[in-house]
Each structure stands twice: as C-alpha cells, then as structure tokens.
C-alpha cells in the first residue's frame, strides 16, 4: 500500500498551493498536517480529515497556509504530512516545498513603497 503526493508548481507567499494525494488502496481516516520542518504546526492545520474521490484528492493550501513568517528570509519551507489507515497498516507520506516571498512585499503582505518607486503617504 502506498500514498503518492504530487506537487503542482511552486508558490509565492499568499498564493494557493495544490498537492494531489493518491492512494493505491481505499484508506480509512485520511488526514493531513501542515508544518515547518522543525515540527511547528502552521495555521492550526493538524490532523485535518479529508475525503477521497476514486482514491485521490487535491489539497488546496492558501492564505495563512502560504504566508511567510516575518523572521524568514526570501523563502520558507513547509512540510505536508498525510496519514491514513488501510486495513491494519498505518501509512505516512510527506513532502517539503518552499514558499517564496514576493519581491517588495512586507511580512504583512503590504508592498514596500521604496520597491514600488513612490513615497508612502504618512
């Protein structure tokens, strides 16, 4: 039995990310968790249950799921972990992907006025 995770193209901060989850057999209780590589759960996305159509599902990560923390550099890694049970076997699969900071964007999503070429109104 296996879980396959297929990532669709890279993502910039605050854009959506899609990951296709496919199972080789029909599982029970599939869940996913989104975290940093150090294990810190992101956006309370821990053990999120999901349903399948024909043993597959596309997970859509967006908003705070794909926000870069203020102390991160130009990119920040995310780790998606999928777990499920098939019969008596527990399956676990994960993938790591980078979220890229949008050039000129501040941590709160506003654009740096210097980057945009005009003065900020005060």
PDB file of N, CA and C in Angstrom:
ATOM      1  N   UNK A   1       0.840  -1.173   0.000  1.00  0.00           N
ATOM      2  CA  UNK A   1       0.000   0.000   0.000  1.00  0.00           C
ATOM      3  C   UNK A   1       0.890   1.243   0.000  1.00  0.00           C
ATOM      4  N   UNK A   2       0.427   2.300  -0.666  1.00  0.00           N
ATOM      5  CA  UNK A   2       1.251   3.493  -0.732  1.00  0.00           C
ATOM      6  C   UNK A   2       0.404   4.742  -0.871  1.00  0.00           C
ATOM      7  N   UNK A   3       1.017   5.856  -0.481  1.00  0.00           N
ATOM      8  CA  UNK A   3       0.453   7.179  -0.696  1.00  0.00           C
ATOM      9  C   UNK A   3       1.392   7.894  -1.662  1.00  0.00           C
ATOM     10  N   UNK A   4       0.827   8.548  -2.651  1.00  0.00           N
ATOM     11  CA  UNK A   4       1.621   9.335  -3.589  1.00  0.00           C
ATOM     12  C   UNK A   4       1.206  10.794  -3.458  1.00  0.00           C
ATOM     13  N   UNK A   5       2.210  11.696  -3.337  1.00  0.00           N
ATOM     14  CA  UNK A   5       1.944  13.132  -3.267  1.00  0.00           C
ATOM     15  C   UNK A   5       2.544  13.792  -4.503  1.00  0.00           C
ATOM     16  N   UNK A   6       1.723  14.475  -5.274  1.00  0.00           N
ATOM     17  CA  UNK A   6       2.184  15.166  -6.474  1.00  0.00           C
ATOM     18  C   UNK A   6       1.997  16.659  -6.267  1.00  0.00           C
ATOM     19  N   UNK A   7       3.100  17.402  -6.304  1.00  0.00           N
ATOM     20  CA  UNK A   7       3.043  18.849  -6.112  1.00  0.00           C
ATOM     21  C   UNK A   7       2.849  19.545  -7.450  1.00  0.00           C
ATOM     22  N   UNK A   8       1.960  20.521  -7.457  1.00  0.00           N
ATOM     23  CA  UNK A   8       1.817  21.365  -8.615  1.00  0.00           C
ATOM     24  C   UNK A   8       2.776  22.542  -8.434  1.00  0.00           C
ATOM     25  N   UNK A   9       2.991  23.386  -9.439  1.00  0.00           N
ATOM     26  CA  UNK A   9       4.085  24.368  -9.427  1.00  0.00           C
ATOM     27  C   UNK A   9       4.302  25.132  -8.120  1.00  0.00           C
ATOM     28  N   UNK A  10       5.522  25.708  -8.029  1.00  0.00           N
ATOM     29  CA  UNK A  10       5.936  26.464  -6.852  1.00  0.00           C
ATOM     30  C   UNK A  10       4.949  27.584  -6.552  1.00  0.00           C
ATOM     31  N   UNK A  11       5.039  28.090  -5.338  1.00  0.00           N
ATOM     32  CA  UNK A  11       4.086  29.093  -4.899  1.00  0.00           C
ATOM     33  C   UNK A  11       4.803  30.277  -4.261  1.00  0.00           C
ATOM     34  N   UNK A  12       4.234  31.469  -4.485  1.00  0.00           N
ATOM     35  CA  UNK A  12       4.701  32.668  -3.808  1.00  0.00           C
ATOM     36  C   UNK A  12       3.820  32.903  -2.586  1.00  0.00           C
ATOM     37  N   UNK A  13       4.312  33.681  -1.660  1.00  0.00           N
ATOM     38  CA  UNK A  13       3.573  33.991  -0.450  1.00  0.00           C
ATOM     39  C   UNK A  13       2.164  34.460  -0.782  1.00  0.00           C
ATOM     40  N   UNK A  14       1.199  33.918  -0.049  1.00  0.00           N
ATOM     41  CA  UNK A  14      -0.230  34.241  -0.155  1.00  0.00           C
ATOM     42  C   UNK A  14      -0.896  33.711  -1.415  1.00  0.00           C
ATOM     43  N   UNK A  15      -0.212  32.960  -2.245  1.00  0.00           N
ATOM     44  CA  UNK A  15      -0.849  32.302  -3.383  1.00  0.00           C
ATOM     45  C   UNK A  15      -1.263  30.900  -2.940  1.00  0.00           C
ATOM     46  N   UNK A  16      -2.131  30.259  -3.705  1.00  0.00           N
ATOM     47  CA  UNK A  16      -2.549  28.910  -3.337  1.00  0.00           C
ATOM     48  C   UNK A  16      -1.553  27.872  -3.841  1.00  0.00           C
ATOM     49  N   UNK A  17      -1.473  26.781  -3.131  1.00  0.00           N
ATOM     50  CA  UNK A  17      -0.603  25.650  -3.482  1.00  0.00           C
ATOM     51  C   UNK A  17      -1.502  24.431  -3.553  1.00  0.00           C
ATOM     52  N   UNK A  18      -1.325  23.624  -4.588  1.00  0.00           N
ATOM     53  CA  UNK A  18      -2.118  22.408  -4.736  1.00  0.00           C
ATOM     54  C   UNK A  18      -1.204  21.200  -4.677  1.00  0.00           C
ATOM     55  N   UNK A  19      -1.647  20.204  -3.929  1.00  0.00           N
ATOM     56  CA  UNK A  19      -0.934  18.935  -3.828  1.00  0.00           C
ATOM     57  C   UNK A  19      -1.955  17.826  -4.022  1.00  0.00           C
ATOM     58  N   UNK A  20      -1.691  16.952  -4.979  1.00  0.00           N
ATOM     59  CA  UNK A  20      -2.595  15.842  -5.265  1.00  0.00           C
ATOM     60  C   UNK A  20      -2.162  14.637  -4.436  1.00  0.00           C
ATOM     61  N   UNK A  21      -3.100  14.085  -3.674  1.00  0.00           N
ATOM     62  CA  UNK A  21      -2.850  12.918  -2.832  1.00  0.00           C
ATOM     63  C   UNK A  21      -3.548  11.725  -3.468  1.00  0.00           C
ATOM     64  N   UNK A  22      -2.798  10.660  -3.734  1.00  0.00           N
ATOM     65  CA  UNK A  22      -3.354   9.461  -4.345  1.00  0.00           C
ATOM     66  C   UNK A  22      -2.984   8.248  -3.498  1.00  0.00           C
ATOM     67  N   UNK A  23      -3.942   7.368  -3.278  1.00  0.00           N
ATOM     68  CA  UNK A  23      -3.722   6.145  -2.516  1.00  0.00           C
ATOM     69  C   UNK A  23      -3.823   4.939  -3.442  1.00  0.00           C
ATOM     70  N   UNK A  24      -3.007   3.918  -3.182  1.00  0.00           N
ATOM     71  CA  UNK A  24      -3.054   2.710  -4.004  1.00  0.00           C
ATOM     72  C   UNK A  24      -4.212   1.800  -3.601  1.00  0.00           C
ATOM     73  N   UNK A  25      -4.793   2.027  -2.436  1.00  0.00           N
ATOM     74  CA  UNK A  25      -5.958   1.284  -1.967  1.00  0.00           C
ATOM     75  C   UNK A  25      -6.827   2.258  -1.185  1.00  0.00           C
ATOM     76  N   UNK A  26      -8.093   1.924  -0.991  1.00  0.00           N
ATOM     77  CA  UNK A  26      -9.003   2.814  -0.285  1.00  0.00           C
ATOM     78  C   UNK A  26      -8.672   2.854   1.202  1.00  0.00           C
ATOM     79  N   UNK A  27      -8.269   4.018   1.700  1.00  0.00           N
ATOM     80  CA  UNK A  27      -7.922   4.134   3.113  1.00  0.00           C
ATOM     81  C   UNK A  27      -9.117   4.546   3.966  1.00  0.00           C
ATOM     82  N   UNK A  28      -8.953   4.390   5.265  1.00  0.00           N
ATOM     83  CA  UNK A  28      -9.897   4.960   6.216  1.00  0.00           C
ATOM     84  C   UNK A  28      -9.169   6.065   6.963  1.00  0.00           C
ATOM     85  N   UNK A  29      -9.913   7.036   7.396  1.00  0.00           N
ATOM     86  CA  UNK A  29      -9.408   8.163   8.187  1.00  0.00           C
ATOM     87  C   UNK A  29      -8.173   8.861   7.622  1.00  0.00           C
ATOM     88  N   UNK A  30      -8.180   9.286   6.348  1.00  0.00           N
ATOM     89  CA  UNK A  30      -7.026  10.047   5.865  1.00  0.00           C
ATOM     90  C   UNK A  30      -7.021  11.447   6.493  1.00  0.00           C
ATOM     91  N   UNK A  31      -5.832  11.906   6.894  1.00  0.00           N
ATOM     92  CA  UNK A  31      -5.672  13.247   7.449  1.00  0.00           C
ATOM     93  C   UNK A  31      -4.388  13.869   6.911  1.00  0.00           C
ATOM     94  N   UNK A  32      -4.286  15.188   7.044  1.00  0.00           N
ATOM     95  CA  UNK A  32      -3.052  15.876   6.670  1.00  0.00           C
ATOM     96  C   UNK A  32      -2.711  16.915   7.719  1.00  0.00           C
ATOM     97  N   UNK A  33      -1.399  17.185   7.819  1.00  0.00           N
ATOM     98  CA  UNK A  33      -0.871  18.180   8.741  1.00  0.00           C
ATOM     99  C   UNK A  33       0.108  19.064   7.969  1.00  0.00           C
ATOM    100  N   UNK A  34       0.024  20.375   8.192  1.00  0.00           N
ATOM    101  CA  UNK A  34       0.945  21.320   7.570  1.00  0.00           C
ATOM    102  C   UNK A  34       1.839  21.887   8.661  1.00  0.00           C
ATOM    103  N   UNK A  35       3.150  21.779   8.460  1.00  0.00           N
ATOM    104  CA  UNK A  35       4.084  22.243   9.483  1.00  0.00           C
ATOM    105  C   UNK A  35       5.375  22.752   8.863  1.00  0.00           C
ATOM    106  N   UNK A  36       6.150  23.410   9.704  1.00  0.00           N
ATOM    107  CA  UNK A  36       7.517  23.766   9.317  1.00  0.00           C
ATOM    108  C   UNK A  36       8.366  22.520   9.507  1.00  0.00           C
ATOM    109  N   UNK A  37       9.538  22.461   8.884  1.00  0.00           N
ATOM    110  CA  UNK A  37      10.387  21.281   9.058  1.00  0.00           C
ATOM    111  C   UNK A  37      10.771  20.995  10.516  1.00  0.00           C
ATOM    112  N   UNK A  38      10.700  22.015  11.394  1.00  0.00           N
ATOM    113  CA  UNK A  38      11.005  21.782  12.812  1.00  0.00           C
ATOM    114  C   UNK A  38       9.829  21.185  13.581  1.00  0.00           C
ATOM    115  N   UNK A  39       8.685  20.975  12.895  1.00  0.00           N
ATOM    116  CA  UNK A  39       7.523  20.352  13.528  1.00  0.00           C
ATOM    117  C   UNK A  39       6.472  21.331  14.017  1.00  0.00           C
ATOM    118  N   UNK A  40       6.712  22.637  13.910  1.00  0.00           N
ATOM    119  CA  UNK A  40       5.733  23.632  14.320  1.00  0.00           C
ATOM    120  C   UNK A  40       4.542  23.602  13.364  1.00  0.00           C
ATOM    121  N   UNK A  41       3.349  23.363  13.893  1.00  0.00           N
ATOM    122  CA  UNK A  41       2.145  23.295  13.067  1.00  0.00           C
ATOM    123  C   UNK A  41       1.787  24.701  12.589  1.00  0.00           C
ATOM    124  N   UNK A  42       1.395  24.803  11.329  1.00  0.00           N
ATOM    125  CA  UNK A  42       1.056  26.081  10.702  1.00  0.00           C
ATOM    126  C   UNK A  42      -0.460  26.214  10.598  1.00  0.00           C
ATOM    127  N   UNK A  43      -0.962  27.379  11.030  1.00  0.00           N
ATOM    128  CA  UNK A  43      -2.363  27.734  10.823  1.00  0.00           C
ATOM    129  C   UNK A  43      -3.334  26.699  11.402  1.00  0.00           C
ATOM    130  N   UNK A  44      -2.960  26.070  12.506  1.00  0.00           N
ATOM    131  CA  UNK A  44      -3.795  25.054  13.181  1.00  0.00           C
ATOM    132  C   UNK A  44      -4.169  23.902  12.250  1.00  0.00           C
ATOM    133  N   UNK A  45      -3.330  23.635  11.250  1.00  0.00           N
ATOM    134  CA  UNK A  45      -3.621  22.573  10.273  1.00  0.00           C
ATOM    135  C   UNK A  45      -2.981  21.264  10.738  1.00  0.00           C
ATOM    136  N   UNK A  46      -3.564  20.665  11.741  1.00  0.00           N
ATOM    137  CA  UNK A  46      -3.053  19.406  12.272  1.00  0.00           C
ATOM    138  C   UNK A  46      -4.150  18.352  12.231  1.00  0.00           C
ATOM    139  N   UNK A  47      -3.835  17.211  11.635  1.00  0.00           N
ATOM    140  CA  UNK A  47      -4.783  16.100  11.525  1.00  0.00           C
ATOM    141  C   UNK A  47      -6.115  16.533  10.919  1.00  0.00           C
ATOM    142  N   UNK A  48      -6.041  17.247   9.808  1.00  0.00           N
ATOM    143  CA  UNK A  48      -7.228  17.705   9.089  1.00  0.00           C
ATOM    144  C   UNK A  48      -7.768  16.527   8.271  1.00  0.00           C
ATOM    145  N   UNK A  49      -8.994  16.114   8.558  1.00  0.00           N
ATOM    146  CA  UNK A  49      -9.600  14.987   7.844  1.00  0.00           C
ATOM    147  C   UNK A  49     -10.019  15.439   6.445  1.00  0.00           C
ATOM    148  N   UNK A  50      -9.935  14.523   5.497  1.00  0.00           N
ATOM    149  CA  UNK A  50     -10.406  14.809   4.140  1.00  0.00           C
ATOM    150  C   UNK A  50     -10.988  13.551   3.531  1.00  0.00           C
ATOM    151  N   UNK A  51     -11.843  13.735   2.523  1.00  0.00           N
ATOM    152  CA  UNK A  51     -12.468  12.608   1.846  1.00  0.00           C
ATOM    153  C   UNK A  51     -11.852  12.440   0.469  1.00  0.00           C
ATOM    154  N   UNK A  52     -12.075  11.290  -0.114  1.00  0.00           N
ATOM    155  CA  UNK A  52     -11.460  10.946  -1.396  1.00  0.00           C
ATOM    156  C   UNK A  52     -12.518  10.676  -2.450  1.00  0.00           C
ATOM    157  N   UNK A  53     -12.135  10.932  -3.692  1.00  0.00           N
ATOM    158  CA  UNK A  53     -12.919  10.517  -4.844  1.00  0.00           C
ATOM    159  C   UNK A  53     -12.002   9.626  -5.668  1.00  0.00           C
ATOM    160  N   UNK A  54     -12.370   8.374  -5.846  1.00  0.00           N
ATOM    161  CA  UNK A  54     -11.551   7.414  -6.598  1.00  0.00           C
ATOM    162  C   UNK A  54     -10.124   7.332  -6.040  1.00  0.00           C
ATOM    163  N   UNK A  55     -10.004   7.277  -4.720  1.00  0.00           N
ATOM    164  CA  UNK A  55      -8.716   7.139  -4.018  1.00  0.00           C
ATOM    165  C   UNK A  55      -7.774   8.315  -4.220  1.00  0.00           C
ATOM    166  N   UNK A  56      -8.303   9.507  -4.555  1.00  0.00           N
ATOM    167  CA  UNK A  56      -7.453  10.679  -4.747  1.00  0.00           C
ATOM    168  C   UNK A  56      -8.183  11.933  -4.265  1.00  0.00           C
ATOM    169  N   UNK A  57      -7.397  12.943  -3.949  1.00  0.00           N
ATOM    170  CA  UNK A  57      -7.934  14.244  -3.555  1.00  0.00           C
ATOM    171  C   UNK A  57      -6.877  15.301  -3.814  1.00  0.00           C
ATOM    172  N   UNK A  58      -7.308  16.498  -4.204  1.00  0.00           N
ATOM    173  CA  UNK A  58      -6.395  17.626  -4.358  1.00  0.00           C
ATOM    174  C   UNK A  58      -6.553  18.522  -3.143  1.00  0.00           C
ATOM    175  N   UNK A  59      -5.465  18.703  -2.408  1.00  0.00           N
ATOM    176  CA  UNK A  59      -5.475  19.584  -1.249  1.00  0.00           C
ATOM    177  C   UNK A  59      -5.102  20.987  -1.710  1.00  0.00           C
ATOM    178  N   UNK A  60      -5.843  21.987  -1.257  1.00  0.00           N
ATOM    179  CA  UNK A  60      -5.606  23.385  -1.621  1.00  0.00           C
ATOM    180  C   UNK A  60      -5.136  24.125  -0.374  1.00  0.00           C
ATOM    181  N   UNK A  61      -3.904  24.609  -0.407  1.00  0.00           N
ATOM    182  CA  UNK A  61      -3.356  25.400   0.689  1.00  0.00           C
ATOM    183  C   UNK A  61      -3.382  26.857   0.254  1.00  0.00           C
ATOM    184  N   UNK A  62      -3.816  27.765   1.120  1.00  0.00           N
ATOM    185  CA  UNK A  62      -3.954  29.163   0.731  1.00  0.00           C
ATOM    186  C   UNK A  62      -3.957  30.056   1.967  1.00  0.00           C
ATOM    187  N   UNK A  63      -3.929  31.375   1.744  1.00  0.00           N
ATOM    188  CA  UNK A  63      -3.998  32.336   2.843  1.00  0.00           C
ATOM    189  C   UNK A  63      -2.854  32.146   3.822  1.00  0.00           C
ATOM    190  N   UNK A  64      -3.177  32.012   5.102  1.00  0.00           N
ATOM    191  CA  UNK A  64      -2.155  31.854   6.129  1.00  0.00           C
ATOM    192  C   UNK A  64      -1.353  30.560   5.968  1.00  0.00           C
ATOM    193  N   UNK A  65      -1.888  29.581   5.238  1.00  0.00           N
ATOM    194  CA  UNK A  65      -1.131  28.347   4.966  1.00  0.00           C
ATOM    195  C   UNK A  65       0.155  28.661   4.197  1.00  0.00           C
ATOM    196  N   UNK A  66       0.097  29.676   3.359  1.00  0.00           N
ATOM    197  CA  UNK A  66       1.228  30.003   2.491  1.00  0.00           C
ATOM    198  C   UNK A  66       1.835  31.370   2.806  1.00  0.00           C
ATOM    199  N   UNK A  67       1.631  31.850   4.013  1.00  0.00           N
ATOM    200  CA  UNK A  67       2.224  33.124   4.441  1.00  0.00           C
ATOM    201  C   UNK A  67       3.612  32.861   5.011  1.00  0.00           C
ATOM    202  N   UNK A  68       4.574  33.708   4.669  1.00  0.00           N
ATOM    203  CA  UNK A  68       5.933  33.585   5.200  1.00  0.00           C
ATOM    204  C   UNK A  68       6.009  34.356   6.515  1.00  0.00           C
ATOM    205  N   UNK A  69       6.626  33.755   7.519  1.00  0.00           N
ATOM    206  CA  UNK A  69       6.770  34.442   8.800  1.00  0.00           C
ATOM    207  C   UNK A  69       7.698  35.642   8.654  1.00  0.00           C
ATOM    208  N   UNK A  70       7.514  36.621   9.524  1.00  0.00           N
ATOM    209  CA  UNK A  70       8.259  37.875   9.415  1.00  0.00           C
ATOM    210  C   UNK A  70       9.762  37.703   9.599  1.00  0.00           C
ATOM    211  N   UNK A  71      10.200  36.660  10.306  1.00  0.00           N
ATOM    212  CA  UNK A  71      11.638  36.464  10.536  1.00  0.00           C
ATOM    213  C   UNK A  71      12.280  35.529   9.508  1.00  0.00           C
ATOM    214  N   UNK A  72      11.525  35.148   8.483  1.00  0.00           N
ATOM    215  CA  UNK A  72      12.071  34.272   7.438  1.00  0.00           C
ATOM    216  C   UNK A  72      12.820  35.109   6.405  1.00  0.00           C
ATOM    217  N   UNK A  73      13.649  34.462   5.644  1.00  0.00           N
ATOM    218  CA  UNK A  73      14.373  35.132   4.566  1.00  0.00           C
ATOM    219  C   UNK A  73      13.495  35.268   3.337  1.00  0.00           C
ATOM    220  N   UNK A  74      14.062  34.968   2.170  1.00  0.00           N
ATOM    221  CA  UNK A  74      13.337  35.094   0.905  1.00  0.00           C
ATOM    222  C   UNK A  74      12.389  33.931   0.641  1.00  0.00           C
ATOM    223  N   UNK A  75      12.569  32.836   1.382  1.00  0.00           N
ATOM    224  CA  UNK A  75      11.650  31.709   1.242  1.00  0.00           C
ATOM    225  C   UNK A  75      11.581  30.966   2.570  1.00  0.00           C
ATOM    226  N   UNK A  76      10.557  30.160   2.690  1.00  0.00           N
ATOM    227  CA  UNK A  76      10.362  29.383   3.916  1.00  0.00           C
ATOM    228  C   UNK A  76       9.770  28.031   3.523  1.00  0.00           C
ATOM    229  N   UNK A  77      10.310  26.967   4.069  1.00  0.00           N
ATOM    230  CA  UNK A  77       9.822  25.629   3.744  1.00  0.00           C
ATOM    231  C   UNK A  77       8.565  25.275   4.527  1.00  0.00           C
ATOM    232  N   UNK A  78       7.736  24.479   3.888  1.00  0.00           N
ATOM    233  CA  UNK A  78       6.556  23.876   4.512  1.00  0.00           C
ATOM    234  C   UNK A  78       6.679  22.376   4.319  1.00  0.00           C
ATOM    235  N   UNK A  79       6.097  21.633   5.234  1.00  0.00           N
ATOM    236  CA  UNK A  79       6.074  20.179   5.136  1.00  0.00           C
ATOM    237  C   UNK A  79       4.622  19.744   5.269  1.00  0.00           C
ATOM    238  N   UNK A  80       4.151  18.983   4.293  1.00  0.00           N
ATOM    239  CA  UNK A  80       2.809  18.420   4.339  1.00  0.00           C
ATOM    240  C   UNK A  80       2.960  16.940   4.645  1.00  0.00           C
ATOM    241  N   UNK A  81       2.271  16.478   5.669  1.00  0.00           N
ATOM    242  CA  UNK A  81       2.327  15.064   6.048  1.00  0.00           C
ATOM    243  C   UNK A  81       0.917  14.496   5.956  1.00  0.00           C
ATOM    244  N   UNK A  82       0.769  13.410   5.208  1.00  0.00           N
ATOM    245  CA  UNK A  82      -0.517  12.733   5.043  1.00  0.00           C
ATOM    246  C   UNK A  82      -0.434  11.384   5.747  1.00  0.00           C
ATOM    247  N   UNK A  83      -1.454  11.071   6.532  1.00  0.00           N
ATOM    248  CA  UNK A  83      -1.530   9.767   7.198  1.00  0.00           C
ATOM    249  C   UNK A  83      -2.887   9.132   6.901  1.00  0.00           C
ATOM    250  N   UNK A  84      -2.920   7.824   6.912  1.00  0.00           N
ATOM    251  CA  UNK A  84      -4.164   7.079   6.686  1.00  0.00           C
ATOM    252  C   UNK A  84      -3.956   5.652   7.147  1.00  0.00           C
ATOM    253  N   UNK A  85      -5.045   4.932   7.233  1.00  0.00           N
ATOM    254  CA  UNK A  85      -5.005   3.520   7.591  1.00  0.00           C
ATOM    255  C   UNK A  85      -5.669   2.718   6.480  1.00  0.00           C
ATOM    256  N   UNK A  86      -4.991   1.654   6.057  1.00  0.00           N
ATOM    257  CA  UNK A  86      -5.565   0.700   5.103  1.00  0.00           C
ATOM    258  C   UNK A  86      -5.496  -0.648   5.788  1.00  0.00           C
ATOM    259  N   UNK A  87      -6.655  -1.196   6.129  1.00  0.00           N
ATOM    260  CA  UNK A  87      -6.688  -2.437   6.906  1.00  0.00           C
ATOM    261  C   UNK A  87      -6.065  -2.186   8.270  1.00  0.00           C
ATOM    262  N   UNK A  88      -4.976  -2.893   8.559  1.00  0.00           N
ATOM    263  CA  UNK A  88      -4.273  -2.692   9.827  1.00  0.00           C
ATOM    264  C   UNK A  88      -2.975  -1.907   9.635  1.00  0.00           C
ATOM    265  N   UNK A  89      -2.697  -1.502   8.399  1.00  0.00           N
ATOM    266  CA  UNK A  89      -1.451  -0.804   8.109  1.00  0.00           C
ATOM    267  C   UNK A  89      -1.641   0.718   8.171  1.00  0.00           C
ATOM    268  N   UNK A  90      -0.774   1.385   8.933  1.00  0.00           N
ATOM    269  CA  UNK A  90      -0.788   2.850   9.001  1.00  0.00           C
ATOM    270  C   UNK A  90       0.192   3.382   7.962  1.00  0.00           C
ATOM    271  N   UNK A  91      -0.291   4.262   7.105  1.00  0.00           N
ATOM    272  CA  UNK A  91       0.527   4.844   6.042  1.00  0.00           C
ATOM    273  C   UNK A  91       0.856   6.294   6.380  1.00  0.00           C
ATOM    274  N   UNK A  92       2.088   6.695   6.122  1.00  0.00           N
ATOM    275  CA  UNK A  92       2.529   8.077   6.334  1.00  0.00           C
ATOM    276  C   UNK A  92       3.405   8.474   5.155  1.00  0.00           C
ATOM    277  N   UNK A  93       3.110   9.647   4.579  1.00  0.00           N
ATOM    278  CA  UNK A  93       3.920  10.171   3.483  1.00  0.00           C
ATOM    279  C   UNK A  93       3.989  11.682   3.643  1.00  0.00           C
ATOM    280  N   UNK A  94       5.108  12.261   3.261  1.00  0.00           N
ATOM    281  CA  UNK A  94       5.258  13.701   3.386  1.00  0.00           C
ATOM    282  C   UNK A  94       6.016  14.291   2.218  1.00  0.00           C
ATOM    283  N   UNK A  95       5.897  15.595   2.068  1.00  0.00           N
ATOM    284  CA  UNK A  95       6.675  16.321   1.076  1.00  0.00           C
ATOM    285  C   UNK A  95       7.009  17.694   1.632  1.00  0.00           C
ATOM    286  N   UNK A  96       8.111  18.244   1.154  1.00  0.00           N
ATOM    287  CA  UNK A  96       8.552  19.576   1.563  1.00  0.00           C
ATOM    288  C   UNK A  96       8.508  20.477   0.335  1.00  0.00           C
ATOM    289  N   UNK A  97       8.024  21.699   0.518  1.00  0.00           N
ATOM    290  CA  UNK A  97       8.012  22.661  -0.580  1.00  0.00           C
ATOM    291  C   UNK A  97       8.310  24.042  -0.020  1.00  0.00           C
ATOM    292  N   UNK A  98       8.799  24.917  -0.876  1.00  0.00           N
ATOM    293  CA  UNK A  98       9.171  26.268  -0.462  1.00  0.00           C
ATOM    294  C   UNK A  98       8.069  27.256  -0.813  1.00  0.00           C
ATOM    295  N   UNK A  99       7.880  28.218   0.085  1.00  0.00           N
ATOM    296  CA  UNK A  99       7.031  29.373  -0.172  1.00  0.00           C
ATOM    297  C   UNK A  99       7.992  30.528  -0.405  1.00  0.00           C
ATOM    298  N   UNK A 100       7.871  31.205  -1.529  1.00  0.00           N
ATOM    299  CA  UNK A 100       8.777  32.305  -1.879  1.00  0.00           C
ATOM    300  C   UNK A 100       8.159  33.652  -1.532  1.00  0.00           C
ATOM    301  N   UNK A 101       8.965  34.516  -0.939  1.00  0.00           N
ATOM    302  CA  UNK A 101       8.490  35.867  -0.638  1.00  0.00           C
ATOM    303  C   UNK A 101       8.335  36.630  -1.954  1.00  0.00           C
ATOM    304  N   UNK A 102       7.248  37.344  -2.092  1.00  0.00           N
ATOM    305  CA  UNK A 102       7.017  38.166  -3.270  1.00  0.00           C
ATOM    306  C   UNK A 102       7.959  39.366  -3.187  1.00  0.00           C
ATOM    307  N   UNK A 103       8.742  39.651  -4.225  1.00  0.00           N
ATOM    308  CA  UNK A 103       9.667  40.789  -4.173  1.00  0.00           C
ATOM    309  C   UNK A 103       8.942  42.076  -3.805  1.00  0.00           C
ATOM    310  N   UNK A 104       9.469  42.777  -2.805  1.00  0.00           N
ATOM    311  CA  UNK A 104       8.891  44.037  -2.384  1.00  0.00           C
ATOM    312  C   UNK A 104       7.788  43.924  -1.364  1.00  0.00           C
ATOM    313  N   UNK A 105       7.349  42.697  -1.027  1.00  0.00           N
ATOM    314  CA  UNK A 105       6.260  42.537  -0.064  1.00  0.00           C
ATOM    315  C   UNK A 105       6.805  42.509   1.354  1.00  0.00           C
ATOM    316  N   UNK A 106       6.128  43.199   2.239  1.00  0.00           N
ATOM    317  CA  UNK A 106       6.462  43.150   3.660  1.00  0.00           C
ATOM    318  C   UNK A 106       5.844  41.887   4.241  1.00  0.00           C
ATOM    319  N   UNK A 107       6.198  41.565   5.480  1.00  0.00           N
ATOM    320  CA  UNK A 107       5.686  40.352   6.117  1.00  0.00           C
ATOM    321  C   UNK A 107       4.170  40.355   6.218  1.00  0.00           C
ATOM    322  N   UNK A 108       3.549  41.542   6.335  1.00  0.00           N
ATOM    323  CA  UNK A 108       2.091  41.599   6.463  1.00  0.00           C
ATOM    324  C   UNK A 108       1.389  41.645   5.110  1.00  0.00           C
ATOM    325  N   UNK A 109       2.136  41.487   4.010  1.00  0.00           N
ATOM    326  CA  UNK A 109       1.537  41.451   2.687  1.00  0.00           C
ATOM    327  C   UNK A 109       1.486  42.800   1.990  1.00  0.00           C
ATOM    328  N   UNK A 110       1.773  43.907   2.724  1.00  0.00           N
ATOM    329  CA  UNK A 110       1.799  45.220   2.082  1.00  0.00           C
ATOM    330  C   UNK A 110       3.080  45.339   1.274  1.00  0.00           C
ATOM    331  N   UNK A 111       3.068  46.193   0.287  1.00  0.00           N
ATOM    332  CA  UNK A 111       4.252  46.370  -0.543  1.00  0.00           C
ATOM    333  C   UNK A 111       5.117  47.505  -0.022  1.00  0.00           C
ATOM    334  N   UNK A 112       6.402  47.303  -0.101  1.00  0.00           N
ATOM    335  CA  UNK A 112       7.377  48.297   0.292  1.00  0.00           C
ATOM    336  C   UNK A 112       7.307  49.442  -0.723  1.00  0.00           C
ATOM    337  N   UNK A 113       7.017  50.654  -0.235  1.00  0.00           N
ATOM    338  CA  UNK A 113       6.838  51.775  -1.154  1.00  0.00           C
ATOM    339  C   UNK A 113       8.123  52.090  -1.915  1.00  0.00           C
ATOM    340  N   UNK A 114       9.280  51.845  -1.313  1.00  0.00           N
ATOM    341  CA  UNK A 114      10.548  52.077  -1.998  1.00  0.00           C
ATOM    342  C   UNK A 114      10.669  51.157  -3.219  1.00  0.00           C
ATOM    343  N   UNK A 115      10.248  49.931  -3.067  1.00  0.00           N
ATOM    344  CA  UNK A 115      10.295  48.978  -4.171  1.00  0.00           C
ATOM    345  C   UNK A 115       9.373  49.418  -5.299  1.00  0.00           C
ATOM    346  N   UNK A 116       8.210  49.946  -4.940  1.00  0.00           N
ATOM    347  CA  UNK A 116       7.228  50.338  -5.953  1.00  0.00           C
ATOM    348  C   UNK A 116       7.559  51.662  -6.590  1.00  0.00           C
ATOM    349  N   UNK A 117       8.547  52.401  -6.029  1.00  0.00           N
ATOM    350  CA  UNK A 117       9.018  53.601  -6.691  1.00  0.00           C
ATOM    351  C   UNK A 117       8.271  54.877  -6.324  1.00  0.00           C
ATOM    352  N   UNK A 118       7.527  54.892  -5.211  1.00  0.00           N
ATOM    353  CA  UNK A 118       6.905  56.123  -4.766  1.00  0.00           C
ATOM    354  C   UNK A 118       6.932  56.203  -3.247  1.00  0.00           C
ATOM    355  N   UNK A 119       6.678  57.378  -2.735  1.00  0.00           N
ATOM    356  CA  UNK A 119       6.730  57.572  -1.288  1.00  0.00           C
ATOM    357  C   UNK A 119       5.418  57.127  -0.661  1.00  0.00           C
ATOM    358  N   UNK A 120       5.556  56.539   0.526  1.00  0.00           N
ATOM    359  CA  UNK A 120       4.371  56.154   1.275  1.00  0.00           C
ATOM    360  C   UNK A 120       3.705  57.409   1.834  1.00  0.00           C
ATOM    361  N   UNK A 121       2.395  57.403   1.855  1.00  0.00           N
ATOM    362  CA  UNK A 121       1.669  58.541   2.441  1.00  0.00           C
ATOM    363  C   UNK A 121       1.687  58.380   3.953  1.00  0.00           C
ATOM    364  N   UNK A 122       1.936  59.481   4.651  1.00  0.00           N
ATOM    365  CA  UNK A 122       2.081  59.380   6.086  1.00  0.00           C
ATOM    366  C   UNK A 122       1.008  60.026   6.807  1.00  0.00           C
TER     367      UNK A 122
END
